[in-house]
Amino acid sequence: MKIATSLIAALFLASAATAVMPDDPAKIDTCTKPGVVALTFDDGPGMYNDQLLALLAKKNVKATFFVLGSMIAANAQQAGALKKILAGGHQLASHTYSHGNLDLMTEDAMRLEISKTSDIMFQNAGVRPAYMRAPEGRCAATCTKVMEGLGLVISHWNVDTNDWRFKDLAPAAATEKSLEEINKVVIQGSNPATDSFILLEHEIHKFSVDLLAERVIDSILAKGYKFVTMEECVGKPSYLTGSVVPPPVVPPTGNSTNSVAPPTGTPAPTTAAPSGSPQQTSSEPIRPSVSTNNKVNSAGLVRAGAWAMGVAAAVGFAML
């Protein structure tokens, strides 16, 4: 009888702990209204950006691009992609400059990662992003304080293609593996009347643009969701004061290189660049091994519940 009572108590405590363990409210991982999906692409602008923009235009889908300052600085073509992204009606956001671990940096180095990216984005597209995503989702208490002090929206996600994990597989196999969480969490396990998602994908992997993106878009549209930008998802402006955002432009048929004229205006003040330098920049983002990846995904609450269950079970056993 004692065993049964202890087990019931353990299950109750685990359930309660799971229910009251909210996500960090400073880190946005759902939209403010149901029935929408914010499709986001990290690590660009990459060499497949034109192809991706053409697909989004064909599907009439708006997305948000979390770009790296180092990728913009790499060459003129990648810098020019920013205007094309804006011309397509998409949102630009910051993924830092070097794709380093913000939690291992000083506060000044964190600010420099943001200010350098903001400056190069303004120089090439006239915007200073109000949304940022920490590389690998790593933004603990100090990072959160710094980003909030800069007036930025810390953007996480609640469903992940995990495409970077499968980039070395054959394209078809990589696509199927990348769809597993989408199919389980969104297609099979959600209701557009009550749920919303921020979906993470990458634009630097060829199979993600060639095969995965269209499969993701088609399946989510068929489920009844509408794609939105992060601004529409969260309800806060895309850009900081002083940004000059050109109106969306529909490129002529067959012309994938169309862009808008450079915006005019006075640059907004940026965060002063502190002394010192950030981690070494690279156009190839650093990815952790599977065992060390700490990205937040749909399994987070399950793990929290399991932990609570274990604690409660131990308490129940001690009472025997």
Protein backbone atom coordinates (compact mmCIF):
# COMPACT_ATOMS: atom_id res chain seq x y z
CA MET A 1 0.00 0.00 0.00
CA LYS A 2 2.86 2.32 0.91
CA ILE A 3 4.49 1.62 -2.46
CA ALA A 4 1.30 2.43 -4.36
CA THR A 5 0.78 5.61 -2.35
CA SER A 6 4.36 6.72 -2.92
CA LEU A 7 4.12 6.04 -6.65
CA ILE A 8 0.92 8.07 -6.95
CA ALA A 9 2.55 10.92 -5.03
CA ALA A 10 5.59 10.76 -7.29
CA LEU A 11 3.47 10.89 -10.42
CA PHE A 12 1.47 13.82 -9.04
CA LEU A 13 4.58 15.80 -8.14
CA ALA A 14 6.17 15.10 -11.52
CA SER A 15 3.04 16.29 -13.30
CA ALA A 16 2.83 19.42 -11.16
CA ALA A 17 6.50 20.24 -11.64
CA THR A 18 6.16 19.88 -15.38
CA ALA A 19 3.13 22.16 -15.40
CA VAL A 20 4.72 24.96 -13.37
CA MET A 21 8.16 25.00 -15.02
CA PRO A 22 7.69 27.79 -17.60
CA ASP A 23 10.24 28.73 -20.23
CA ASP A 24 12.34 31.81 -19.55
CA PRO A 25 9.89 34.59 -20.51
CA ALA A 26 12.80 36.69 -21.81
CA LYS A 27 13.48 34.13 -24.53
CA ILE A 28 10.65 34.07 -27.05
CA ASP A 29 9.79 30.59 -28.34
CA THR A 30 6.09 30.84 -29.24
CA CYS A 31 3.90 33.38 -31.00
CA THR A 32 1.33 35.56 -29.30
CA LYS A 33 -1.55 34.13 -31.32
CA PRO A 34 -2.45 30.61 -32.47
CA GLY A 35 -2.47 29.27 -35.99
CA VAL A 36 0.81 30.81 -37.13
CA VAL A 37 4.34 29.57 -37.76
CA ALA A 38 7.40 31.82 -37.90
CA LEU A 39 9.77 30.16 -40.37
CA THR A 40 13.32 31.21 -39.51
CA PHE A 41 16.66 30.59 -41.22
CA ASP A 42 20.00 30.85 -39.42
CA ASP A 43 23.66 31.31 -40.41
CA GLY A 44 23.27 33.18 -43.70
CA PRO A 45 23.23 34.89 -46.00
CA GLY A 46 24.61 31.88 -47.82
CA MET A 47 25.30 30.83 -51.37
CA TYR A 48 21.81 29.33 -51.81
CA ASN A 49 19.97 32.47 -50.70
CA ASP A 50 18.67 33.41 -54.18
CA GLN A 51 17.23 29.92 -54.61
CA LEU A 52 15.58 30.07 -51.19
CA LEU A 53 14.07 33.49 -51.86
CA ALA A 54 12.66 32.22 -55.16
CA LEU A 55 11.01 29.30 -53.34
CA LEU A 56 9.51 31.57 -50.69
CA ALA A 57 8.16 33.87 -53.39
CA LYS A 58 6.62 30.93 -55.24
CA LYS A 59 4.92 29.74 -52.05
CA ASN A 60 3.97 33.30 -50.98
CA VAL A 61 5.65 32.67 -47.61
CA LYS A 62 7.37 35.31 -45.49
CA ALA A 63 10.30 34.27 -43.32
CA THR A 64 12.85 35.72 -40.92
CA PHE A 65 16.58 35.51 -41.62
CA PHE A 66 18.93 35.51 -38.62
CA VAL A 67 22.16 36.51 -40.37
CA LEU A 68 25.80 36.49 -39.30
CA GLY A 69 27.84 39.66 -39.55
CA SER A 70 30.84 37.63 -40.67
CA MET A 71 28.87 36.17 -43.57
CA ILE A 72 27.83 39.64 -44.72
CA ALA A 73 31.44 40.78 -44.55
CA ALA A 74 32.68 37.76 -46.51
CA ASN A 75 31.84 39.09 -49.99
CA ALA A 76 29.71 41.57 -51.87
CA GLN A 77 27.21 38.95 -53.10
CA GLN A 78 26.31 37.94 -49.57
CA ALA A 79 26.07 41.58 -48.52
CA GLY A 80 23.74 42.24 -51.46
CA ALA A 81 21.45 39.44 -50.28
CA LEU A 82 20.20 41.64 -47.46
CA LYS A 83 18.41 44.00 -49.84
CA LYS A 84 16.89 41.06 -51.70
CA ILE A 85 15.59 39.65 -48.42
CA LEU A 86 13.95 42.97 -47.57
CA ALA A 87 12.62 43.36 -51.11
CA GLY A 88 10.85 40.03 -50.73
CA GLY A 89 9.01 41.28 -47.66
CA HIS A 90 11.03 39.15 -45.26
CA GLN A 91 12.52 40.17 -41.91
CA LEU A 92 16.22 40.54 -41.12
CA ALA A 93 17.52 39.70 -37.66
CA SER A 94 20.89 39.22 -35.94
CA HIS A 95 22.65 35.92 -35.27
CA THR A 96 25.73 37.76 -33.90
CA TYR A 97 28.95 38.39 -35.81
CA SER A 98 31.12 35.32 -35.32
CA HIS A 99 28.69 32.58 -34.19
CA GLY A 100 30.60 32.23 -30.93
CA ASN A 101 29.22 31.08 -27.59
CA LEU A 102 27.90 34.26 -25.96
CA ASP A 103 27.92 32.64 -22.53
CA LEU A 104 31.71 32.34 -22.69
CA MET A 105 32.20 36.03 -23.53
CA THR A 106 32.53 39.15 -21.42
CA GLU A 107 29.64 41.60 -21.50
CA ASP A 108 31.69 43.95 -23.69
CA ALA A 109 32.44 41.16 -26.16
CA MET A 110 28.72 40.29 -26.32
CA ARG A 111 27.88 43.91 -27.11
CA LEU A 112 30.56 44.00 -29.79
CA GLU A 113 29.10 40.88 -31.43
CA ILE A 114 25.80 42.74 -31.70
CA SER A 115 27.09 46.19 -32.62
CA LYS A 116 29.38 44.93 -35.40
CA THR A 117 26.52 42.98 -36.95
CA SER A 118 24.13 45.92 -36.58
CA ASP A 119 26.63 48.29 -38.20
CA ILE A 120 27.32 46.08 -41.22
CA MET A 121 23.60 45.44 -41.70
CA PHE A 122 22.88 49.16 -41.64
CA GLN A 123 25.69 49.85 -44.10
CA ASN A 124 24.33 47.27 -46.56
CA ALA A 125 20.56 47.40 -46.00
CA GLY A 126 19.69 50.41 -43.86
CA VAL A 127 18.33 48.42 -40.92
CA ARG A 128 19.38 47.69 -37.36
CA PRO A 129 17.64 44.51 -36.21
CA ALA A 130 15.61 44.46 -33.00
CA TYR A 131 15.55 40.65 -32.92
CA MET A 132 18.55 38.43 -32.16
CA ARG A 133 19.15 34.72 -31.80
CA ALA A 134 22.08 33.45 -29.78
CA PRO A 135 24.21 30.83 -31.56
CA GLU A 136 23.10 27.36 -30.46
CA GLY A 137 20.53 29.08 -28.22
CA ARG A 138 23.18 29.79 -25.58
CA CYS A 139 22.10 32.91 -23.71
CA ALA A 140 22.11 32.51 -19.93
CA ALA A 141 21.40 35.17 -17.29
CA THR A 142 24.26 37.55 -18.11
CA CYS A 143 23.65 37.31 -21.84
CA THR A 144 19.92 37.89 -21.30
CA LYS A 145 20.65 41.00 -19.24
CA VAL A 146 22.96 42.39 -21.94
CA MET A 147 20.54 41.71 -24.81
CA GLU A 148 17.60 43.21 -22.95
CA GLY A 149 19.77 46.23 -22.14
CA LEU A 150 20.31 46.68 -25.87
CA GLY A 151 16.54 46.58 -26.43
CA LEU A 152 16.62 43.29 -28.34
CA VAL A 153 14.08 40.47 -28.56
CA ILE A 154 15.85 37.20 -27.68
CA SER A 155 14.46 34.75 -30.22
CA HIS A 156 14.41 31.03 -29.53
CA TRP A 157 12.28 28.30 -31.13
CA ASN A 158 9.99 25.43 -30.17
CA VAL A 159 10.39 23.15 -33.18
CA ASP A 160 13.63 22.33 -34.96
CA THR A 161 14.50 20.69 -38.28
CA ASN A 162 17.88 19.76 -36.80
CA ASP A 163 19.11 19.95 -40.38
CA TRP A 164 22.69 20.74 -39.37
CA ARG A 165 22.90 17.33 -37.70
CA PHE A 166 22.19 15.53 -40.97
CA LYS A 167 24.13 17.62 -43.50
CA ASP A 168 26.61 14.80 -44.18
CA LEU A 169 23.91 12.27 -45.11
CA ALA A 170 22.62 11.73 -48.63
CA PRO A 171 20.18 14.59 -49.44
CA ALA A 172 17.03 12.43 -49.45
CA ALA A 173 17.96 10.73 -46.17
CA ALA A 174 18.91 14.05 -44.57
CA THR A 175 15.54 15.50 -45.58
CA GLU A 176 13.58 12.64 -44.02
CA LYS A 177 15.57 12.85 -40.78
CA SER A 178 15.06 16.62 -40.65
CA LEU A 179 11.30 16.20 -41.01
CA GLU A 180 10.96 13.85 -38.04
CA GLU A 181 10.46 16.50 -35.35
CA ILE A 182 8.31 18.63 -37.66
CA ASN A 183 6.02 15.69 -38.38
CA LYS A 184 5.82 14.61 -34.74
CA VAL A 185 5.39 17.99 -33.07
CA VAL A 186 3.56 20.10 -35.68
CA ILE A 187 1.83 17.78 -38.14
CA GLN A 188 0.76 15.02 -35.75
CA GLY A 189 0.79 16.69 -32.35
CA SER A 190 -0.63 20.19 -32.71
CA ASN A 191 -3.84 22.11 -33.36
CA PRO A 192 -3.81 25.41 -35.31
CA ALA A 193 -6.72 26.59 -33.18
CA THR A 194 -4.51 26.64 -30.07
CA ASP A 195 -0.85 26.27 -31.08
CA SER A 196 1.88 28.33 -32.71
CA PHE A 197 5.50 27.65 -33.60
CA ILE A 198 8.85 29.27 -34.21
CA LEU A 199 10.61 26.89 -36.58
CA LEU A 200 14.39 26.69 -36.96
CA GLU A 201 16.12 25.81 -40.23
CA HIS A 202 19.43 26.77 -41.85
CA GLU A 203 20.02 28.25 -45.28
CA ILE A 204 23.67 27.18 -45.64
CA HIS A 205 23.00 23.46 -46.19
CA LYS A 206 22.19 22.62 -49.80
CA PHE A 207 19.67 19.88 -49.09
CA SER A 208 17.77 22.24 -46.75
CA VAL A 209 17.14 24.61 -49.64
CA ASP A 210 16.91 22.03 -52.43
CA LEU A 211 14.52 19.60 -50.72
CA LEU A 212 13.66 20.29 -47.09
CA ALA A 213 12.28 23.83 -47.18
CA GLU A 214 9.50 23.06 -49.67
CA ARG A 215 8.50 19.88 -47.81
CA VAL A 216 8.31 21.82 -44.55
CA ILE A 217 6.27 24.62 -46.08
CA ASP A 218 3.81 22.35 -47.87
CA SER A 219 3.15 20.10 -44.87
CA ILE A 220 2.60 23.01 -42.48
CA LEU A 221 0.30 24.85 -44.88
CA ALA A 222 -1.69 21.65 -45.36
CA LYS A 223 -2.08 21.41 -41.58
CA GLY A 224 -3.81 24.81 -41.62
CA TYR A 225 -1.13 27.16 -40.31
CA LYS A 226 -0.18 30.55 -41.74
CA PHE A 227 3.48 31.56 -42.08
CA VAL A 228 4.47 34.90 -40.52
CA THR A 229 7.60 36.90 -39.76
CA MET A 230 8.94 37.15 -36.22
CA GLU A 231 7.48 40.64 -35.97
CA GLU A 232 4.00 39.27 -36.74
CA CYS A 233 4.63 36.34 -34.40
CA VAL A 234 5.75 38.39 -31.41
CA GLY A 235 4.12 41.76 -32.07
CA LYS A 236 7.21 43.91 -31.59
CA PRO A 237 8.87 46.00 -34.36
CA SER A 238 11.49 44.31 -36.53
CA TYR A 239 14.02 47.14 -36.39
CA LEU A 240 15.45 49.70 -34.02
CA THR A 241 14.85 53.43 -34.34
CA GLY A 242 16.76 54.99 -37.23
CA SER A 243 16.34 52.06 -39.59
CA VAL A 244 15.17 52.89 -43.12
CA VAL A 245 13.14 49.98 -44.40
CA PRO A 246 12.35 49.98 -48.14
CA PRO A 247 8.93 48.71 -49.22
CA PRO A 248 8.74 45.12 -50.51
CA VAL A 249 9.27 44.79 -54.25
CA VAL A 250 8.00 41.93 -56.39
CA PRO A 251 10.82 41.11 -58.85
CA PRO A 252 9.95 40.63 -62.54
CA THR A 253 9.41 37.03 -63.61
CA GLY A 254 12.69 35.27 -64.29
CA ASN A 255 14.83 37.94 -62.67
CA SER A 256 16.18 36.56 -59.40
CA THR A 257 18.77 39.30 -59.00
CA ASN A 258 16.37 42.21 -58.61
CA SER A 259 16.96 44.42 -55.61
CA VAL A 260 15.78 47.75 -54.34
CA ALA A 261 17.68 51.00 -54.42
CA PRO A 262 19.93 51.61 -51.41
CA PRO A 263 17.98 53.30 -48.63
CA THR A 264 18.79 56.82 -47.60
CA GLY A 265 18.78 58.41 -44.21
CA THR A 266 20.97 59.21 -41.26
CA PRO A 267 22.45 56.18 -39.49
CA ALA A 268 21.05 55.59 -36.05
CA PRO A 269 23.51 55.58 -33.17
CA THR A 270 24.81 52.13 -32.41
CA THR A 271 26.20 50.56 -29.30
CA ALA A 272 29.72 51.84 -28.81
CA ALA A 273 32.24 49.20 -29.72
CA PRO A 274 34.13 48.31 -26.53
CA SER A 275 37.81 47.64 -26.42
CA GLY A 276 39.01 44.17 -27.16
CA SER A 277 37.97 41.82 -29.91
CA PRO A 278 35.41 39.02 -30.20
CA GLN A 279 36.21 35.43 -30.92
CA GLN A 280 37.73 34.74 -34.30
CA THR A 281 35.19 35.13 -37.06
CA SER A 282 34.49 32.52 -39.66
CA SER A 283 32.04 32.14 -42.51
CA GLU A 284 31.58 28.52 -41.48
CA PRO A 285 29.57 28.43 -38.24
CA ILE A 286 30.89 26.27 -35.42
CA ARG A 287 28.52 23.48 -34.47
CA PRO A 288 28.75 21.38 -31.30
CA SER A 289 28.65 17.60 -31.31
CA VAL A 290 25.25 16.01 -30.76
CA SER A 291 26.16 15.21 -27.16
CA THR A 292 26.91 18.84 -26.27
CA ASN A 293 24.14 20.59 -28.19
CA ASN A 294 21.84 22.46 -25.81
CA LYS A 295 19.29 23.85 -28.23
CA VAL A 296 15.82 24.15 -26.75
CA ASN A 297 13.35 21.86 -28.50
CA SER A 298 10.03 20.20 -27.96
CA ALA A 299 11.51 17.62 -25.58
CA GLY A 300 12.36 20.23 -22.91
CA LEU A 301 9.22 19.82 -20.83
CA VAL A 302 9.45 16.02 -21.07
CA ARG A 303 12.95 16.12 -19.62
CA ALA A 304 11.77 18.47 -16.84
CA GLY A 305 8.91 16.14 -16.00
CA ALA A 306 11.20 13.12 -15.92
CA TRP A 307 13.54 14.93 -13.53
CA ALA A 308 10.70 15.87 -11.23
CA MET A 309 9.37 12.32 -11.33
CA GLY A 310 12.73 10.98 -10.27
CA VAL A 311 12.94 13.35 -7.32
CA ALA A 312 9.42 12.55 -6.21
CA ALA A 313 10.03 8.80 -6.51
CA ALA A 314 13.10 9.11 -4.30
CA VAL A 315 11.06 10.95 -1.67
CA GLY A 316 8.37 8.29 -1.80
CA PHE A 317 10.92 5.49 -1.43
CA ALA A 318 12.40 7.18 1.64
CA MET A 319 8.96 7.19 3.25
CA LEU A 320 8.63 3.40 2.99
